[in-house]
Amino acid sequence: MSDTEKTKKELTERYAQLNSSDFKVVSAEDAAKPVIIDSTSDARTENAVRHKYRVLSETEKQAMAAVKDAAADFIDAINKYCPHGRETSIALTNAQQASMWAVAGITK
């Protein structure tokens, strides 16, 4: 038996020991696809990286969407009217940062 076959057999045996309800097997192609969740969806609380999110109220969801929409409009205006350069890059970074902190304030 080759090393590759031994490794495959060992992994198969280990996998068989796992509780299948704890894991979802996906193809490499599916694993590479980004998972897109609307920022106002309660599904955002199911996140493997951050341990806890709280479910937002409808008012908080509307406020978050309004802030993000306003930030997107502002960023679009910067991109439309400002020439490319250091100042524009800094303006874009700060607009994104302002949006992030505003949303953090709403969702804390």
C-alpha atoms as a PDB file:
ATOM      1  CA  MET A   1       0.000   0.000   0.000  1.00  0.00           C
ATOM      2  CA  SER A   2       1.413   3.400  -1.007  1.00  0.00           C
ATOM      3  CA  ASP A   3       1.757   6.321   1.403  1.00  0.00           C
ATOM      4  CA  THR A   4      -1.083   8.096  -0.372  1.00  0.00           C
ATOM      5  CA  GLU A   5      -3.379   5.105   0.001  1.00  0.00           C
ATOM      6  CA  LYS A   6      -2.432   4.750   3.701  1.00  0.00           C
ATOM      7  CA  THR A   7      -3.167   8.413   4.308  1.00  0.00           C
ATOM      8  CA  LYS A   8      -6.480   8.162   2.491  1.00  0.00           C
ATOM      9  CA  LYS A   9      -7.450   5.059   4.491  1.00  0.00           C
ATOM     10  CA  GLU A  10      -6.450   6.737   7.773  1.00  0.00           C
ATOM     11  CA  LEU A  11      -8.459   9.856   6.971  1.00  0.00           C
ATOM     12  CA  THR A  12     -11.458   7.765   5.933  1.00  0.00           C
ATOM     13  CA  GLU A  13     -11.330   5.896   9.242  1.00  0.00           C
ATOM     14  CA  ARG A  14     -11.023   9.137  11.222  1.00  0.00           C
ATOM     15  CA  TYR A  15     -13.910  10.664   9.314  1.00  0.00           C
ATOM     16  CA  ALA A  16     -16.088   7.628  10.049  1.00  0.00           C
ATOM     17  CA  GLN A  17     -15.549   8.284  13.773  1.00  0.00           C
ATOM     18  CA  LEU A  18     -16.800  11.860  13.543  1.00  0.00           C
ATOM     19  CA  ASN A  19     -20.391  12.728  14.284  1.00  0.00           C
ATOM     20  CA  SER A  20     -21.768  13.504  10.852  1.00  0.00           C
ATOM     21  CA  SER A  21     -24.270  16.006  12.274  1.00  0.00           C
ATOM     22  CA  ASP A  22     -21.346  18.221  13.347  1.00  0.00           C
ATOM     23  CA  PHE A  23     -19.825  18.505   9.887  1.00  0.00           C
ATOM     24  CA  LYS A  24     -20.994  19.086   6.377  1.00  0.00           C
ATOM     25  CA  VAL A  25     -18.947  17.571   3.575  1.00  0.00           C
ATOM     26  CA  VAL A  26     -18.686  19.797   0.537  1.00  0.00           C
ATOM     27  CA  SER A  27     -16.755  19.522  -2.673  1.00  0.00           C
ATOM     28  CA  ALA A  28     -13.609  21.587  -3.150  1.00  0.00           C
ATOM     29  CA  GLU A  29     -15.488  23.601  -5.757  1.00  0.00           C
ATOM     30  CA  ASP A  30     -18.319  24.404  -3.336  1.00  0.00           C
ATOM     31  CA  ALA A  31     -15.853  25.193  -0.547  1.00  0.00           C
ATOM     32  CA  ALA A  32     -14.182  27.793  -2.770  1.00  0.00           C
ATOM     33  CA  LYS A  33     -17.454  29.628  -3.450  1.00  0.00           C
ATOM     34  CA  PRO A  34     -18.068  32.625  -1.202  1.00  0.00           C
ATOM     35  CA  VAL A  35     -21.060  32.450   1.087  1.00  0.00           C
ATOM     36  CA  ILE A  36     -23.046  35.646   0.747  1.00  0.00           C
ATOM     37  CA  ILE A  37     -25.384  36.591   3.578  1.00  0.00           C
ATOM     38  CA  ASP A  38     -27.306  39.853   3.613  1.00  0.00           C
ATOM     39  CA  SER A  39     -25.990  42.020   6.430  1.00  0.00           C
ATOM     40  CA  THR A  40     -29.509  42.506   7.799  1.00  0.00           C
ATOM     41  CA  SER A  41     -30.305  38.767   7.794  1.00  0.00           C
ATOM     42  CA  ASP A  42     -30.499  36.808  11.029  1.00  0.00           C
ATOM     43  CA  ALA A  43     -28.395  34.145   9.246  1.00  0.00           C
ATOM     44  CA  ARG A  44     -25.373  36.366   9.958  1.00  0.00           C
ATOM     45  CA  THR A  45     -25.443  35.003  13.515  1.00  0.00           C
ATOM     46  CA  GLU A  46     -24.366  31.578  12.176  1.00  0.00           C
ATOM     47  CA  ASN A  47     -20.683  32.343  11.727  1.00  0.00           C
ATOM     48  CA  ALA A  48     -17.771  29.971  12.267  1.00  0.00           C
ATOM     49  CA  VAL A  49     -15.260  32.736  12.932  1.00  0.00           C
ATOM     50  CA  ARG A  50     -17.016  35.025  15.379  1.00  0.00           C
ATOM     51  CA  HIS A  51     -18.375  33.071  18.289  1.00  0.00           C
ATOM     52  CA  LYS A  52     -21.406  35.203  19.023  1.00  0.00           C
ATOM     53  CA  TYR A  53     -23.548  37.671  17.164  1.00  0.00           C
ATOM     54  CA  ARG A  54     -26.792  38.901  18.542  1.00  0.00           C
ATOM     55  CA  VAL A  55     -29.963  38.995  16.508  1.00  0.00           C
ATOM     56  CA  LEU A  56     -30.771  42.593  15.604  1.00  0.00           C
ATOM     57  CA  SER A  57     -34.141  44.249  15.999  1.00  0.00           C
ATOM     58  CA  GLU A  58     -35.917  45.420  12.861  1.00  0.00           C
ATOM     59  CA  THR A  59     -35.095  49.033  13.778  1.00  0.00           C
ATOM     60  CA  GLU A  60     -31.389  48.182  14.095  1.00  0.00           C
ATOM     61  CA  LYS A  61     -31.469  46.331  10.767  1.00  0.00           C
ATOM     62  CA  GLN A  62     -33.042  49.356   9.070  1.00  0.00           C
ATOM     63  CA  ALA A  63     -30.506  51.707  10.671  1.00  0.00           C
ATOM     64  CA  MET A  64     -27.603  49.514   9.583  1.00  0.00           C
ATOM     65  CA  ALA A  65     -28.925  49.307   6.017  1.00  0.00           C
ATOM     66  CA  ALA A  66     -29.411  53.095   5.915  1.00  0.00           C
ATOM     67  CA  VAL A  67     -25.865  53.761   7.132  1.00  0.00           C
ATOM     68  CA  LYS A  68     -24.402  51.297   4.622  1.00  0.00           C
ATOM     69  CA  ASP A  69     -26.478  52.757   1.778  1.00  0.00           C
ATOM     70  CA  ALA A  70     -25.370  56.288   2.676  1.00  0.00           C
ATOM     71  CA  ALA A  71     -21.740  55.172   2.858  1.00  0.00           C
ATOM     72  CA  ALA A  72     -22.025  53.444  -0.528  1.00  0.00           C
ATOM     73  CA  ASP A  73     -23.477  56.629  -2.051  1.00  0.00           C
ATOM     74  CA  PHE A  74     -20.678  58.713  -0.536  1.00  0.00           C
ATOM     75  CA  ILE A  75     -18.013  56.287  -1.782  1.00  0.00           C
ATOM     76  CA  ASP A  76     -19.592  56.369  -5.254  1.00  0.00           C
ATOM     77  CA  ALA A  77     -19.407  60.197  -5.199  1.00  0.00           C
ATOM     78  CA  ILE A  78     -15.740  60.107  -4.190  1.00  0.00           C
ATOM     79  CA  ASN A  79     -14.986  57.685  -7.009  1.00  0.00           C
ATOM     80  CA  LYS A  80     -16.935  59.815  -9.492  1.00  0.00           C
ATOM     81  CA  TYR A  81     -15.610  63.274  -8.642  1.00  0.00           C
ATOM     82  CA  CYS A  82     -12.156  62.823  -7.132  1.00  0.00           C
ATOM     83  CA  PRO A  83      -9.054  62.130  -9.213  1.00  0.00           C
ATOM     84  CA  HIS A  84      -7.153  58.971  -8.383  1.00  0.00           C
ATOM     85  CA  GLY A  85      -4.368  59.607  -5.943  1.00  0.00           C
ATOM     86  CA  ARG A  86      -3.273  59.416  -2.338  1.00  0.00           C
ATOM     87  CA  GLU A  87      -5.899  61.832  -1.065  1.00  0.00           C
ATOM     88  CA  THR A  88      -8.713  59.923  -2.757  1.00  0.00           C
ATOM     89  CA  SER A  89      -7.405  56.640  -1.373  1.00  0.00           C
ATOM     90  CA  ILE A  90      -7.346  58.108   2.125  1.00  0.00           C
ATOM     91  CA  ALA A  91     -10.869  59.524   1.657  1.00  0.00           C
ATOM     92  CA  LEU A  92     -12.145  56.100   0.552  1.00  0.00           C
ATOM     93  CA  THR A  93     -10.449  54.343   3.459  1.00  0.00           C
ATOM     94  CA  ASN A  94     -11.910  56.795   5.949  1.00  0.00           C
ATOM     95  CA  ALA A  95     -15.395  56.559   4.421  1.00  0.00           C
ATOM     96  CA  GLN A  96     -15.229  52.767   4.716  1.00  0.00           C
ATOM     97  CA  GLN A  97     -13.927  53.055   8.260  1.00  0.00           C
ATOM     98  CA  ALA A  98     -16.658  55.504   9.244  1.00  0.00           C
ATOM     99  CA  SER A  99     -19.283  53.119   7.904  1.00  0.00           C
ATOM    100  CA  MET A 100     -17.726  50.202   9.766  1.00  0.00           C
ATOM    101  CA  TRP A 101     -17.650  52.079  13.084  1.00  0.00           C
ATOM    102  CA  ALA A 102     -21.207  53.355  12.631  1.00  0.00           C
ATOM    103  CA  VAL A 103     -22.444  49.802  12.026  1.00  0.00           C
ATOM    104  CA  ALA A 104     -20.414  48.594  15.007  1.00  0.00           C
ATOM    105  CA  GLY A 105     -22.131  51.206  17.135  1.00  0.00           C
ATOM    106  CA  ILE A 106     -25.548  50.083  15.936  1.00  0.00           C
ATOM    107  CA  THR A 107     -24.871  46.369  16.398  1.00  0.00           C
ATOM    108  CA  LYS A 108     -22.965  46.322  19.689  1.00  0.00           C
END
